[in-house]
Protein backbone atom coordinates (compact mmCIF):
# COMPACT_ATOMS: atom_id res chain seq x y z
CA UNK A 1 -2.13 -16.63 8.30
CA UNK A 2 -5.15 -17.82 9.91
CA UNK A 3 -4.61 -21.33 11.37
CA UNK A 4 -7.88 -23.19 12.33
CA UNK A 5 -8.86 -26.88 12.96
CA UNK A 6 -11.33 -28.98 11.41
CA UNK A 7 -12.29 -32.08 13.47
CA UNK A 8 -14.63 -34.98 13.78
CA UNK A 9 -15.70 -37.45 16.37
CA UNK A 10 -17.12 -41.49 16.75
CA UNK A 11 -18.97 -42.48 19.85
CA UNK A 12 -20.80 -44.87 21.49
CA UNK A 13 -24.29 -43.18 21.32
CA UNK A 14 -26.02 -39.84 21.13
CA UNK A 15 -25.43 -38.43 24.57
CA UNK A 16 -22.83 -38.29 26.87
CA UNK A 17 -25.01 -37.05 29.77
CA UNK A 18 -26.33 -40.79 29.83
CA UNK A 19 -22.82 -42.47 29.72
CA UNK A 20 -21.87 -42.49 26.05
CA UNK A 21 -18.05 -42.09 25.17
CA UNK A 22 -16.03 -40.79 22.56
CA UNK A 23 -14.12 -43.58 20.77
CA UNK A 24 -12.29 -41.84 17.66
CA UNK A 25 -11.11 -38.19 17.51
CA UNK A 26 -9.60 -36.96 14.49
CA UNK A 27 -8.37 -33.74 13.60
CA UNK A 28 -7.04 -31.64 10.48
CA UNK A 29 -4.87 -28.37 10.27
CA UNK A 30 -6.14 -25.75 7.98
CA UNK A 31 -4.20 -22.67 6.95
CA UNK A 32 -6.56 -19.69 5.62
CA UNK A 33 -9.23 -22.32 5.50
CA UNK A 34 -7.32 -24.79 3.39
CA UNK A 35 -6.16 -28.26 4.73
CA UNK A 36 -2.17 -28.49 5.06
CA UNK A 37 -2.18 -32.23 5.48
CA UNK A 38 -1.01 -31.86 9.07
CA UNK A 39 -3.69 -34.22 11.31
CA UNK A 40 -4.28 -35.59 14.80
CA UNK A 41 -5.93 -39.21 14.62
CA UNK A 42 -6.58 -41.62 17.84
CA UNK A 43 -8.79 -44.50 18.45
CA UNK A 44 -9.84 -44.34 22.19
CA UNK A 45 -10.94 -47.00 24.52
CA UNK A 46 -14.45 -46.05 25.89
CA UNK A 47 -14.41 -48.00 29.18
CA UNK A 48 -17.83 -49.49 28.30
CA UNK A 49 -19.88 -51.45 25.75
CA UNK A 50 -20.39 -50.14 22.30
CA UNK A 51 -24.36 -50.79 21.32
CA UNK A 52 -25.05 -52.69 18.02
CA UNK A 53 -26.84 -49.56 16.69
CA UNK A 54 -23.76 -47.55 17.39
CA UNK A 55 -21.52 -50.09 15.56
CA UNK A 56 -23.74 -50.06 12.59
CA UNK A 57 -22.98 -46.33 11.70
CA UNK A 58 -19.19 -46.40 12.51
CA UNK A 59 -18.34 -50.02 12.14
CA UNK A 60 -16.36 -50.14 15.54
CA UNK A 61 -16.85 -53.06 18.06
CA UNK A 62 -15.31 -52.91 21.51
CA UNK A 63 -12.92 -55.79 20.30
CA UNK A 64 -11.49 -53.22 17.94
CA UNK A 65 -10.70 -50.94 20.72
CA UNK A 66 -8.89 -53.60 23.03
CA UNK A 67 -5.62 -52.24 23.73
CA UNK A 68 -6.12 -48.20 22.68
CA UNK A 69 -5.43 -45.53 25.26
CA UNK A 70 -8.02 -44.22 27.21
CA UNK A 71 -9.28 -40.47 26.61
CA UNK A 72 -7.48 -39.09 29.55
CA UNK A 73 -4.27 -40.40 27.98
CA UNK A 74 -4.38 -38.78 24.36
CA UNK A 75 -6.19 -35.19 25.72
CA UNK A 76 -2.88 -33.19 26.56
CA UNK A 77 -2.11 -34.08 22.66
CA UNK A 78 -5.02 -33.58 21.01
CA UNK A 79 -5.42 -29.90 23.02
CA UNK A 80 -1.80 -29.28 21.77
CA UNK A 81 -2.61 -30.03 18.06
CA UNK A 82 -5.89 -28.05 18.41
CA UNK A 83 -4.28 -24.87 20.17
CA UNK A 84 -5.78 -22.35 22.42
CA UNK A 85 -7.35 -19.81 20.22
CA UNK A 86 -7.65 -21.31 16.80
CA UNK A 87 -11.40 -21.74 15.20
CA UNK A 88 -12.71 -25.24 15.59
CA UNK A 89 -14.90 -26.29 12.57
CA UNK A 90 -17.14 -29.44 12.54
CA UNK A 91 -20.29 -30.81 11.04
CA UNK A 92 -23.27 -30.73 13.43
CA UNK A 93 -20.36 -28.63 15.76
CA UNK A 94 -22.39 -28.66 18.61
CA UNK A 95 -22.72 -32.85 18.84
CA UNK A 96 -18.67 -32.99 18.80
CA UNK A 97 -18.29 -29.83 21.30
CA UNK A 98 -20.52 -31.55 23.93
CA UNK A 99 -18.85 -34.97 23.52
CA UNK A 100 -15.33 -33.61 23.79
CA UNK A 101 -16.12 -31.09 26.46
CA UNK A 102 -17.53 -33.94 28.79
CA UNK A 103 -14.63 -35.86 28.27
CA UNK A 104 -12.26 -33.06 29.07
CA UNK A 105 -14.28 -32.48 32.17
CA UNK A 106 -13.81 -35.99 33.14
CA UNK A 107 -10.10 -35.31 33.18
CA UNK A 108 -10.16 -32.14 34.76
CA UNK A 109 -9.43 -30.03 31.85
CA UNK A 110 -10.93 -26.76 30.52
CA UNK A 111 -13.66 -26.92 27.94
CA UNK A 112 -13.54 -25.72 24.27
CA UNK A 113 -15.06 -22.39 24.24
CA UNK A 114 -18.41 -22.01 22.31
CA UNK A 115 -16.92 -18.84 20.84
CA UNK A 116 -14.39 -21.06 18.89
CA UNK A 117 -16.88 -22.99 17.17
CA UNK A 118 -17.58 -22.99 13.43
CA UNK A 119 -20.53 -25.20 12.31
CA UNK A 120 -20.57 -26.37 8.75
CA UNK A 121 -24.18 -27.81 8.95
CA UNK A 122 -25.33 -24.52 9.89
CA UNK A 123 -23.21 -23.17 6.84
CA UNK A 124 -24.70 -25.53 4.61
CA UNK A 125 -28.56 -24.88 5.77
CA UNK A 126 -28.09 -21.10 5.37
CA UNK A 127 -26.64 -21.67 1.63
CA UNK A 128 -29.24 -24.65 0.80
CA UNK A 129 -32.32 -23.84 2.93
CA UNK A 130 -34.66 -26.94 2.75
CA UNK A 131 -32.24 -29.19 1.10
CA UNK A 132 -30.52 -32.23 2.65
CA UNK A 133 -27.15 -31.46 4.36
CA UNK A 134 -25.85 -34.19 5.74
CA UNK A 135 -22.23 -34.76 4.67
CA UNK A 136 -23.00 -37.53 2.31
CA UNK A 137 -25.65 -35.14 0.73
CA UNK A 138 -22.97 -32.14 0.54
CA UNK A 139 -20.43 -34.23 -0.79
CA UNK A 140 -23.09 -35.67 -3.64
CA UNK A 141 -23.81 -32.28 -4.22
CA UNK A 142 -20.28 -31.13 -4.83
CA UNK A 143 -19.35 -34.07 -6.98
CA UNK A 144 -17.14 -35.24 -3.98
CA UNK A 145 -15.61 -39.00 -4.37
CA UNK A 146 -17.79 -41.08 -1.64
CA UNK A 147 -16.64 -44.30 -2.68
CA UNK A 148 -14.46 -44.76 0.45
CA UNK A 149 -17.21 -43.96 2.88
CA UNK A 150 -18.74 -47.36 3.55
CA UNK A 151 -19.39 -46.40 7.30
CA UNK A 152 -18.56 -43.33 9.35
CA UNK A 153 -14.84 -42.73 10.06
CA UNK A 154 -13.67 -39.60 11.93
CA UNK A 155 -10.42 -39.38 9.85
CA UNK A 156 -12.01 -39.98 6.34
CA UNK A 157 -14.93 -37.78 7.42
CA UNK A 158 -12.56 -34.81 8.24
CA UNK A 159 -10.97 -35.10 4.76
CA UNK A 160 -14.13 -35.20 3.18
CA UNK A 161 -15.73 -32.61 5.24
CA UNK A 162 -12.22 -30.43 4.32
CA UNK A 163 -13.43 -30.56 0.59
CA UNK A 164 -16.90 -29.71 1.45
CA UNK A 165 -15.63 -26.83 3.43
CA UNK A 166 -13.77 -25.45 0.91
CA UNK A 167 -16.68 -25.43 -1.27
CA UNK A 168 -19.10 -23.81 1.56
CA UNK A 169 -16.56 -21.05 1.98
CA UNK A 170 -15.44 -20.39 -1.73
CA UNK A 171 -11.89 -21.51 -0.73
CA UNK A 172 -10.98 -22.71 -4.08
CA UNK A 173 -11.40 -19.10 -5.78
CA UNK A 174 -9.68 -17.31 -2.71
CA UNK A 175 -6.71 -16.76 -4.78
CA UNK A 176 -8.37 -14.39 -7.30
CA UNK A 177 -9.42 -11.91 -4.51
CA UNK A 178 -8.67 -8.74 -4.85
CA UNK A 179 -8.77 -7.85 -1.16
CA UNK A 180 -6.25 -5.49 0.09
CA UNK A 181 -3.39 -7.10 1.81
CA UNK A 182 -1.54 -5.34 4.74
CA UNK A 183 0.55 -3.61 2.48
CA UNK A 184 -2.66 -2.05 0.46
CA UNK A 185 -1.24 -3.54 -2.99
CA UNK A 186 -4.19 -5.59 -4.34
CA UNK A 187 -2.86 -5.18 -7.66
CA UNK A 188 0.28 -6.53 -6.88
CA UNK A 189 -1.45 -9.58 -5.08
CA UNK A 190 -3.95 -10.18 -8.19
CA UNK A 191 -0.60 -10.27 -10.81
CA UNK A 192 1.23 -12.70 -8.46
CA UNK A 193 -1.73 -14.88 -8.38
CA UNK A 194 -2.16 -14.85 -12.20
CA UNK A 195 1.41 -15.48 -12.77
CA UNK A 196 1.44 -18.24 -10.75
CA UNK A 197 -1.50 -19.85 -12.19
CA UNK A 198 -1.08 -19.01 -15.81
CA UNK A 199 -1.17 -22.22 -17.97
CA UNK A 200 -0.15 -21.76 -22.00
CA UNK A 201 -2.55 -23.18 -24.47
CA UNK A 202 -0.70 -24.82 -27.25
CA UNK A 203 -2.20 -25.26 -30.54
CA UNK A 204 -0.92 -28.12 -32.73
CA UNK A 205 -0.10 -27.99 -36.61
CA UNK A 206 -2.93 -29.89 -37.36
CA UNK A 207 -5.24 -27.53 -35.35
CA UNK A 208 -3.72 -24.35 -37.21
CA UNK A 209 -4.35 -26.10 -40.71
CA UNK A 210 -8.07 -26.85 -39.64
CA UNK A 211 -8.39 -23.29 -38.40
CA UNK A 212 -7.15 -21.88 -41.51
CA UNK A 213 -9.33 -24.04 -43.89
CA UNK A 214 -12.54 -22.63 -41.79
CA UNK A 215 -11.53 -19.23 -42.02
CA UNK A 216 -10.89 -19.89 -46.19
CA UNK A 217 -14.98 -20.71 -46.05
CA UNK A 218 -15.77 -17.61 -44.67
CA UNK A 219 -16.40 -14.31 -46.58
CA UNK A 220 -14.41 -11.38 -45.58
CA UNK A 221 -13.16 -12.82 -42.01
CA UNK A 222 -12.11 -10.25 -39.47
CA UNK A 223 -9.29 -12.76 -38.06
CA UNK A 224 -7.41 -12.44 -41.33
CA UNK A 225 -7.73 -8.69 -41.45
CA UNK A 226 -6.01 -8.41 -38.11
CA UNK A 227 -3.27 -10.94 -39.80
CA UNK A 228 -2.73 -8.84 -42.69
CA UNK A 229 0.38 -6.73 -43.02
CA UNK A 230 -0.24 -3.00 -42.32
CA UNK A 231 -0.17 -0.99 -46.03
């Protein structure tokens, strides 16, 4: 079992080195790259103004964040949820890493190591070179519902990105893998998956009658030969 964390941030701008700050963090737990439903989410007071152009992107004004905790107050809880060794998945991950690491530095806490970074934007560019690979574009490509995404929102973006990540990594088909397990029993794994996912196909009497009528119009149909009693 492999645990990793998919996360997203919203900020007051594009560069923490010029004074921009994090205003929202959301993270989802993944087990074997599939979401479990466990998550972390927090709105954060940035201790500065929020420019109008940033508000147009994510919808937050400073008034929305009055009374919300400062980053230093939520840092320990966030880091505990992210864990110490788990891979960290984000879309355009270098951007989110730079902001969180800047905030962690201000708190005197260790940075998130770049070896933990999984960038879904890089994955998308490798799979769809030369095509639009924003989160919106990927959702449309994979027929993922975007109706709730009127502005950027870290928690909603995480949930959408989780679906995109499953598609990018082939996660929906992983149960059919014949990779050898720790015990080496690949066939047993396959049979267990097949049994778990089996769905009976039920045929109504009307459908059976229509099928029989269709076969009656054929000359010497092989289906009736198979059904005939042995002589």
